[in-house]
Amino acid sequence: MVAPKKKSRWSILKAEATKDYTEKEPYLFDAVEPPIEIKAPDTIEQTLAFASLLDNTGSVSERDFKSLLATICGDAFPKVWAVLKREPNVVLMPFIQELNDHFSELPVADDEVAEVPGKESA
């Protein structure tokens, strides 16, 4: 008789850490058909990238906007970028805000995009 395989410490740690985790619905970027699925930016890699992009006040430098977008979009970034890169620059921040609103926890504060065209007033 074979003894049951002992669970790894990693699997126990992960199970405990994620017991209350609920995966968020992806954002469907419908600028193309079929829409591009952007998963919630909640991986360890994305979290650490956000930490490196944010300054002490929680703001992102304009020079890092492409990196911010890449971090939010994750694996979908190349497809999203292929659509966005030739669009007028005024659509960038409203798009980031829409992603932020959809996932409701990205580190872009509402006051950072308060003056962006297309953003609805509260």
N, C-alpha and C. Protein backbone atom coordinates (compact mmCIF):
# COMPACT_ATOMS: atom_id res chain seq x y z
N MET A 1 0.83 -1.18 0.00
CA MET A 1 0.00 0.00 0.00
C MET A 1 0.89 1.25 0.00
N VAL A 2 0.51 2.23 -0.83
CA VAL A 2 1.27 3.46 -0.95
C VAL A 2 0.69 4.48 0.03
N ALA A 3 1.60 5.09 0.79
CA ALA A 3 1.17 6.11 1.75
C ALA A 3 0.70 7.34 0.99
N PRO A 4 -0.32 8.03 1.53
CA PRO A 4 -0.78 9.25 0.87
C PRO A 4 0.36 10.28 0.80
N LYS A 5 0.40 10.96 -0.32
CA LYS A 5 1.45 11.95 -0.51
C LYS A 5 1.21 13.14 0.42
N LYS A 6 2.26 13.54 1.11
CA LYS A 6 2.18 14.66 2.03
C LYS A 6 2.10 15.96 1.22
N LYS A 7 1.21 16.87 1.65
CA LYS A 7 1.10 18.16 0.97
C LYS A 7 2.38 18.96 1.19
N SER A 8 2.76 19.67 0.15
CA SER A 8 3.96 20.50 0.26
C SER A 8 3.66 21.71 1.15
N ARG A 9 4.71 22.26 1.73
CA ARG A 9 4.53 23.48 2.54
C ARG A 9 3.98 24.60 1.67
N TRP A 10 4.45 24.67 0.42
CA TRP A 10 3.96 25.70 -0.49
C TRP A 10 2.46 25.57 -0.71
N SER A 11 1.97 24.36 -0.97
CA SER A 11 0.54 24.21 -1.23
C SER A 11 -0.29 24.56 0.00
N ILE A 12 0.22 24.26 1.17
CA ILE A 12 -0.48 24.63 2.42
C ILE A 12 -0.49 26.14 2.59
N LEU A 13 0.68 26.77 2.39
CA LEU A 13 0.79 28.23 2.51
C LEU A 13 -0.14 28.92 1.52
N LYS A 14 -0.12 28.48 0.27
CA LYS A 14 -0.95 29.08 -0.77
C LYS A 14 -2.43 28.91 -0.46
N ALA A 15 -2.82 27.72 -0.05
CA ALA A 15 -4.23 27.47 0.28
C ALA A 15 -4.69 28.38 1.41
N GLU A 16 -3.87 28.54 2.41
CA GLU A 16 -4.23 29.40 3.54
C GLU A 16 -4.30 30.87 3.11
N ALA A 17 -3.33 31.31 2.33
CA ALA A 17 -3.29 32.72 1.91
C ALA A 17 -4.43 33.07 0.96
N THR A 18 -4.90 32.12 0.17
CA THR A 18 -5.92 32.41 -0.83
C THR A 18 -7.31 31.93 -0.44
N LYS A 19 -7.50 31.51 0.80
CA LYS A 19 -8.80 30.94 1.19
C LYS A 19 -9.95 31.92 1.00
N ASP A 20 -9.72 33.23 1.13
CA ASP A 20 -10.77 34.22 0.94
C ASP A 20 -10.65 34.98 -0.38
N TYR A 21 -9.74 34.54 -1.23
CA TYR A 21 -9.49 35.21 -2.51
C TYR A 21 -10.60 34.87 -3.50
N THR A 22 -11.10 35.89 -4.17
CA THR A 22 -12.08 35.70 -5.23
C THR A 22 -11.54 36.37 -6.48
N GLU A 23 -11.43 35.61 -7.54
CA GLU A 23 -10.92 36.17 -8.79
C GLU A 23 -11.94 37.15 -9.36
N LYS A 24 -11.47 38.32 -9.78
CA LYS A 24 -12.35 39.34 -10.34
C LYS A 24 -12.64 39.03 -11.80
N GLU A 25 -13.78 39.52 -12.25
CA GLU A 25 -14.15 39.37 -13.65
C GLU A 25 -13.14 40.14 -14.51
N PRO A 26 -12.70 39.57 -15.62
CA PRO A 26 -11.78 40.29 -16.49
C PRO A 26 -12.48 41.47 -17.17
N TYR A 27 -11.68 42.43 -17.57
CA TYR A 27 -12.17 43.57 -18.35
C TYR A 27 -12.10 43.14 -19.81
N LEU A 28 -13.17 43.35 -20.56
CA LEU A 28 -13.17 43.01 -21.97
C LEU A 28 -12.96 44.29 -22.79
N PHE A 29 -11.78 44.41 -23.36
CA PHE A 29 -11.41 45.55 -24.18
C PHE A 29 -12.00 45.32 -25.57
N ASP A 30 -13.11 46.02 -25.84
CA ASP A 30 -13.89 45.73 -27.03
C ASP A 30 -13.58 46.63 -28.23
N ALA A 31 -12.36 47.14 -28.29
CA ALA A 31 -11.95 47.93 -29.45
C ALA A 31 -11.72 47.05 -30.66
N VAL A 32 -11.59 45.76 -30.43
CA VAL A 32 -11.39 44.79 -31.51
C VAL A 32 -12.34 43.62 -31.30
N GLU A 33 -12.48 42.83 -32.35
CA GLU A 33 -13.34 41.65 -32.26
C GLU A 33 -12.50 40.43 -32.55
N PRO A 34 -12.44 39.43 -31.72
CA PRO A 34 -13.11 39.37 -30.42
C PRO A 34 -12.42 40.28 -29.41
N PRO A 35 -13.15 40.68 -28.36
CA PRO A 35 -12.57 41.56 -27.34
C PRO A 35 -11.33 40.93 -26.69
N ILE A 36 -10.43 41.79 -26.24
CA ILE A 36 -9.22 41.34 -25.55
C ILE A 36 -9.55 41.23 -24.06
N GLU A 37 -9.29 40.10 -23.48
CA GLU A 37 -9.57 39.88 -22.06
C GLU A 37 -8.38 40.33 -21.22
N ILE A 38 -8.62 41.31 -20.36
CA ILE A 38 -7.60 41.81 -19.44
C ILE A 38 -7.95 41.30 -18.05
N LYS A 39 -7.09 40.45 -17.52
CA LYS A 39 -7.35 39.89 -16.19
C LYS A 39 -6.96 40.89 -15.11
N ALA A 40 -7.55 40.75 -13.95
CA ALA A 40 -7.25 41.64 -12.82
C ALA A 40 -5.76 41.65 -12.54
N PRO A 41 -5.20 42.82 -12.30
CA PRO A 41 -3.76 42.93 -12.03
C PRO A 41 -3.43 42.59 -10.58
N ASP A 42 -3.57 41.31 -10.25
CA ASP A 42 -3.40 40.91 -8.85
C ASP A 42 -2.34 39.83 -8.65
N THR A 43 -1.45 39.70 -9.61
CA THR A 43 -0.37 38.73 -9.44
C THR A 43 0.74 39.35 -8.60
N ILE A 44 1.61 38.53 -8.09
CA ILE A 44 2.77 39.03 -7.34
C ILE A 44 3.61 39.93 -8.25
N GLU A 45 3.82 39.50 -9.48
CA GLU A 45 4.63 40.29 -10.41
C GLU A 45 4.02 41.68 -10.61
N GLN A 46 2.70 41.76 -10.81
CA GLN A 46 2.06 43.05 -11.02
C GLN A 46 2.10 43.90 -9.76
N THR A 47 1.89 43.30 -8.61
CA THR A 47 1.92 44.04 -7.35
C THR A 47 3.29 44.67 -7.12
N LEU A 48 4.35 43.91 -7.37
CA LEU A 48 5.70 44.45 -7.20
C LEU A 48 6.01 45.52 -8.24
N ALA A 49 5.49 45.36 -9.45
CA ALA A 49 5.68 46.39 -10.48
C ALA A 49 4.98 47.68 -10.07
N PHE A 50 3.76 47.58 -9.54
CA PHE A 50 3.07 48.78 -9.05
C PHE A 50 3.91 49.47 -7.98
N ALA A 51 4.45 48.69 -7.07
CA ALA A 51 5.25 49.26 -5.99
C ALA A 51 6.45 50.03 -6.54
N SER A 52 7.05 49.56 -7.61
CA SER A 52 8.21 50.25 -8.17
C SER A 52 7.80 51.47 -9.01
N LEU A 53 6.58 51.50 -9.49
CA LEU A 53 6.11 52.62 -10.31
C LEU A 53 5.61 53.79 -9.48
N LEU A 54 5.15 53.53 -8.28
CA LEU A 54 4.56 54.57 -7.45
C LEU A 54 5.61 55.31 -6.64
N ASP A 55 5.45 56.63 -6.55
CA ASP A 55 6.36 57.39 -5.69
C ASP A 55 5.81 57.41 -4.27
N ASN A 56 6.44 58.17 -3.40
CA ASN A 56 6.04 58.21 -1.99
C ASN A 56 4.64 58.75 -1.77
N THR A 57 4.09 59.49 -2.75
CA THR A 57 2.75 60.03 -2.60
C THR A 57 1.70 59.15 -3.28
N GLY A 58 2.15 58.06 -3.89
CA GLY A 58 1.22 57.17 -4.59
C GLY A 58 0.96 57.59 -6.03
N SER A 59 1.75 58.52 -6.54
CA SER A 59 1.59 58.99 -7.92
C SER A 59 2.54 58.26 -8.86
N VAL A 60 2.20 58.29 -10.13
CA VAL A 60 3.02 57.69 -11.17
C VAL A 60 3.53 58.80 -12.07
N SER A 61 4.81 58.81 -12.35
CA SER A 61 5.40 59.79 -13.25
C SER A 61 4.87 59.58 -14.67
N GLU A 62 4.71 60.66 -15.40
CA GLU A 62 4.25 60.56 -16.79
C GLU A 62 5.15 59.67 -17.63
N ARG A 63 6.44 59.66 -17.33
CA ARG A 63 7.37 58.83 -18.11
C ARG A 63 7.10 57.34 -17.90
N ASP A 64 6.35 57.00 -16.85
CA ASP A 64 6.07 55.59 -16.53
C ASP A 64 4.66 55.15 -16.93
N PHE A 65 3.92 55.98 -17.66
CA PHE A 65 2.54 55.62 -18.01
C PHE A 65 2.47 54.34 -18.83
N LYS A 66 3.41 54.16 -19.77
CA LYS A 66 3.38 52.93 -20.57
C LYS A 66 3.65 51.72 -19.68
N SER A 67 4.59 51.84 -18.75
CA SER A 67 4.87 50.74 -17.82
C SER A 67 3.66 50.47 -16.93
N LEU A 68 2.97 51.54 -16.52
CA LEU A 68 1.76 51.38 -15.71
C LEU A 68 0.70 50.61 -16.51
N LEU A 69 0.49 51.02 -17.75
CA LEU A 69 -0.48 50.32 -18.59
C LEU A 69 -0.09 48.86 -18.79
N ALA A 70 1.20 48.61 -19.04
CA ALA A 70 1.68 47.24 -19.22
C ALA A 70 1.45 46.42 -17.95
N THR A 71 1.65 47.03 -16.79
CA THR A 71 1.45 46.33 -15.53
C THR A 71 -0.02 46.01 -15.32
N ILE A 72 -0.89 46.96 -15.60
CA ILE A 72 -2.33 46.71 -15.44
C ILE A 72 -2.80 45.61 -16.39
N CYS A 73 -2.37 45.68 -17.64
CA CYS A 73 -2.86 44.75 -18.67
C CYS A 73 -2.22 43.37 -18.58
N GLY A 74 -1.06 43.27 -17.97
CA GLY A 74 -0.41 41.96 -17.83
C GLY A 74 -0.14 41.31 -19.18
N ASP A 75 -0.49 40.04 -19.28
CA ASP A 75 -0.22 39.28 -20.50
C ASP A 75 -0.97 39.82 -21.73
N ALA A 76 -2.04 40.58 -21.51
CA ALA A 76 -2.82 41.13 -22.62
C ALA A 76 -2.18 42.39 -23.20
N PHE A 77 -1.13 42.91 -22.56
CA PHE A 77 -0.56 44.19 -22.98
C PHE A 77 -0.17 44.24 -24.46
N PRO A 78 0.55 43.27 -25.01
CA PRO A 78 0.93 43.40 -26.43
C PRO A 78 -0.27 43.60 -27.36
N LYS A 79 -1.37 42.91 -27.10
CA LYS A 79 -2.56 43.07 -27.95
C LYS A 79 -3.22 44.42 -27.70
N VAL A 80 -3.30 44.84 -26.44
CA VAL A 80 -3.89 46.14 -26.11
C VAL A 80 -3.03 47.25 -26.71
N TRP A 81 -1.72 47.14 -26.57
CA TRP A 81 -0.82 48.17 -27.08
C TRP A 81 -0.92 48.29 -28.60
N ALA A 82 -1.09 47.18 -29.29
CA ALA A 82 -1.22 47.21 -30.75
C ALA A 82 -2.40 48.08 -31.17
N VAL A 83 -3.44 48.14 -30.34
CA VAL A 83 -4.61 48.97 -30.62
C VAL A 83 -4.37 50.42 -30.18
N LEU A 84 -3.85 50.61 -28.98
CA LEU A 84 -3.75 51.94 -28.39
C LEU A 84 -2.62 52.82 -28.92
N LYS A 85 -1.53 52.25 -29.34
CA LYS A 85 -0.32 53.04 -29.59
C LYS A 85 -0.48 54.13 -30.63
N ARG A 86 -1.42 54.03 -31.52
CA ARG A 86 -1.61 55.05 -32.55
C ARG A 86 -2.84 55.93 -32.28
N GLU A 87 -3.47 55.74 -31.14
CA GLU A 87 -4.63 56.55 -30.77
C GLU A 87 -4.17 57.90 -30.22
N PRO A 88 -5.05 58.91 -30.24
CA PRO A 88 -4.69 60.21 -29.65
C PRO A 88 -4.36 60.05 -28.16
N ASN A 89 -3.37 60.79 -27.69
CA ASN A 89 -2.91 60.63 -26.30
C ASN A 89 -3.99 60.95 -25.27
N VAL A 90 -5.02 61.68 -25.65
CA VAL A 90 -6.07 62.04 -24.68
C VAL A 90 -6.92 60.85 -24.25
N VAL A 91 -6.78 59.70 -24.91
CA VAL A 91 -7.57 58.53 -24.50
C VAL A 91 -6.85 57.67 -23.45
N LEU A 92 -5.57 57.92 -23.24
CA LEU A 92 -4.80 57.05 -22.33
C LEU A 92 -5.32 57.08 -20.90
N MET A 93 -5.40 58.25 -20.28
CA MET A 93 -5.81 58.31 -18.88
C MET A 93 -7.26 57.91 -18.67
N PRO A 94 -8.19 58.27 -19.56
CA PRO A 94 -9.55 57.74 -19.38
C PRO A 94 -9.60 56.21 -19.47
N PHE A 95 -8.76 55.63 -20.33
CA PHE A 95 -8.72 54.17 -20.42
C PHE A 95 -8.16 53.57 -19.14
N ILE A 96 -7.08 54.13 -18.62
CA ILE A 96 -6.52 53.64 -17.35
C ILE A 96 -7.55 53.80 -16.24
N GLN A 97 -8.28 54.92 -16.23
CA GLN A 97 -9.30 55.14 -15.21
C GLN A 97 -10.43 54.11 -15.34
N GLU A 98 -10.80 53.78 -16.57
CA GLU A 98 -11.85 52.77 -16.77
C GLU A 98 -11.40 51.42 -16.23
N LEU A 99 -10.14 51.06 -16.49
CA LEU A 99 -9.61 49.81 -15.93
C LEU A 99 -9.61 49.88 -14.41
N ASN A 100 -9.19 51.01 -13.88
CA ASN A 100 -9.17 51.22 -12.43
C ASN A 100 -10.57 51.05 -11.85
N ASP A 101 -11.55 51.67 -12.47
CA ASP A 101 -12.93 51.55 -12.00
C ASP A 101 -13.41 50.10 -12.07
N HIS A 102 -13.06 49.43 -13.15
CA HIS A 102 -13.51 48.03 -13.32
C HIS A 102 -12.93 47.12 -12.23
N PHE A 103 -11.64 47.25 -12.00
CA PHE A 103 -10.99 46.38 -11.02
C PHE A 103 -11.06 46.94 -9.60
N SER A 104 -11.42 48.21 -9.46
CA SER A 104 -11.63 48.93 -8.20
C SER A 104 -10.54 48.83 -7.15
N GLU A 105 -9.32 48.68 -7.58
CA GLU A 105 -8.25 48.73 -6.59
C GLU A 105 -6.88 49.01 -7.16
N LEU A 106 -6.84 49.56 -8.34
CA LEU A 106 -5.54 49.91 -8.90
C LEU A 106 -5.03 51.17 -8.24
N PRO A 107 -3.73 51.35 -8.17
CA PRO A 107 -3.17 52.49 -7.44
C PRO A 107 -3.15 53.80 -8.22
N VAL A 108 -4.21 54.11 -8.96
CA VAL A 108 -4.32 55.41 -9.59
C VAL A 108 -5.47 56.13 -8.90
N ALA A 109 -5.15 57.16 -8.17
CA ALA A 109 -6.16 57.88 -7.39
C ALA A 109 -7.07 58.69 -8.31
N ASP A 110 -8.34 58.81 -7.91
CA ASP A 110 -9.30 59.57 -8.70
C ASP A 110 -8.84 61.00 -8.94
N ASP A 111 -8.21 61.63 -7.94
CA ASP A 111 -7.81 63.02 -8.11
C ASP A 111 -6.69 63.18 -9.13
N GLU A 112 -5.97 62.10 -9.45
CA GLU A 112 -4.92 62.17 -10.46
C GLU A 112 -5.51 62.30 -11.86
N VAL A 113 -6.74 61.85 -12.05
CA VAL A 113 -7.36 61.90 -13.36
C VAL A 113 -8.64 62.74 -13.35
N ALA A 114 -8.80 63.58 -12.35
CA ALA A 114 -10.01 64.38 -12.21
C ALA A 114 -10.20 65.33 -13.39
N GLU A 115 -9.12 65.80 -13.99
CA GLU A 115 -9.22 66.76 -15.08
C GLU A 115 -9.13 66.10 -16.46
N VAL A 116 -9.25 64.80 -16.51
CA VAL A 116 -9.10 64.10 -17.79
C VAL A 116 -10.40 64.18 -18.59
N PRO A 117 -10.31 64.57 -19.87
CA PRO A 117 -11.51 64.61 -20.69
C PRO A 117 -12.16 63.23 -20.76
N GLY A 118 -13.48 63.21 -20.67
CA GLY A 118 -14.21 61.95 -20.75
C GLY A 118 -14.50 61.34 -19.40
N LYS A 119 -13.84 61.80 -18.35
CA LYS A 119 -14.10 61.29 -17.01
C LYS A 119 -15.34 61.96 -16.48
N GLU A 120 -16.31 61.15 -16.07
CA GLU A 120 -17.55 61.70 -15.56
C GLU A 120 -17.36 62.25 -14.17
N SER A 121 -18.05 63.32 -13.86
CA SER A 121 -17.99 63.91 -12.52
C SER A 121 -18.80 63.07 -11.56
N ALA A 122 -18.35 63.10 -10.29
CA ALA A 122 -19.05 62.33 -9.26
C ALA A 122 -20.33 63.03 -8.85
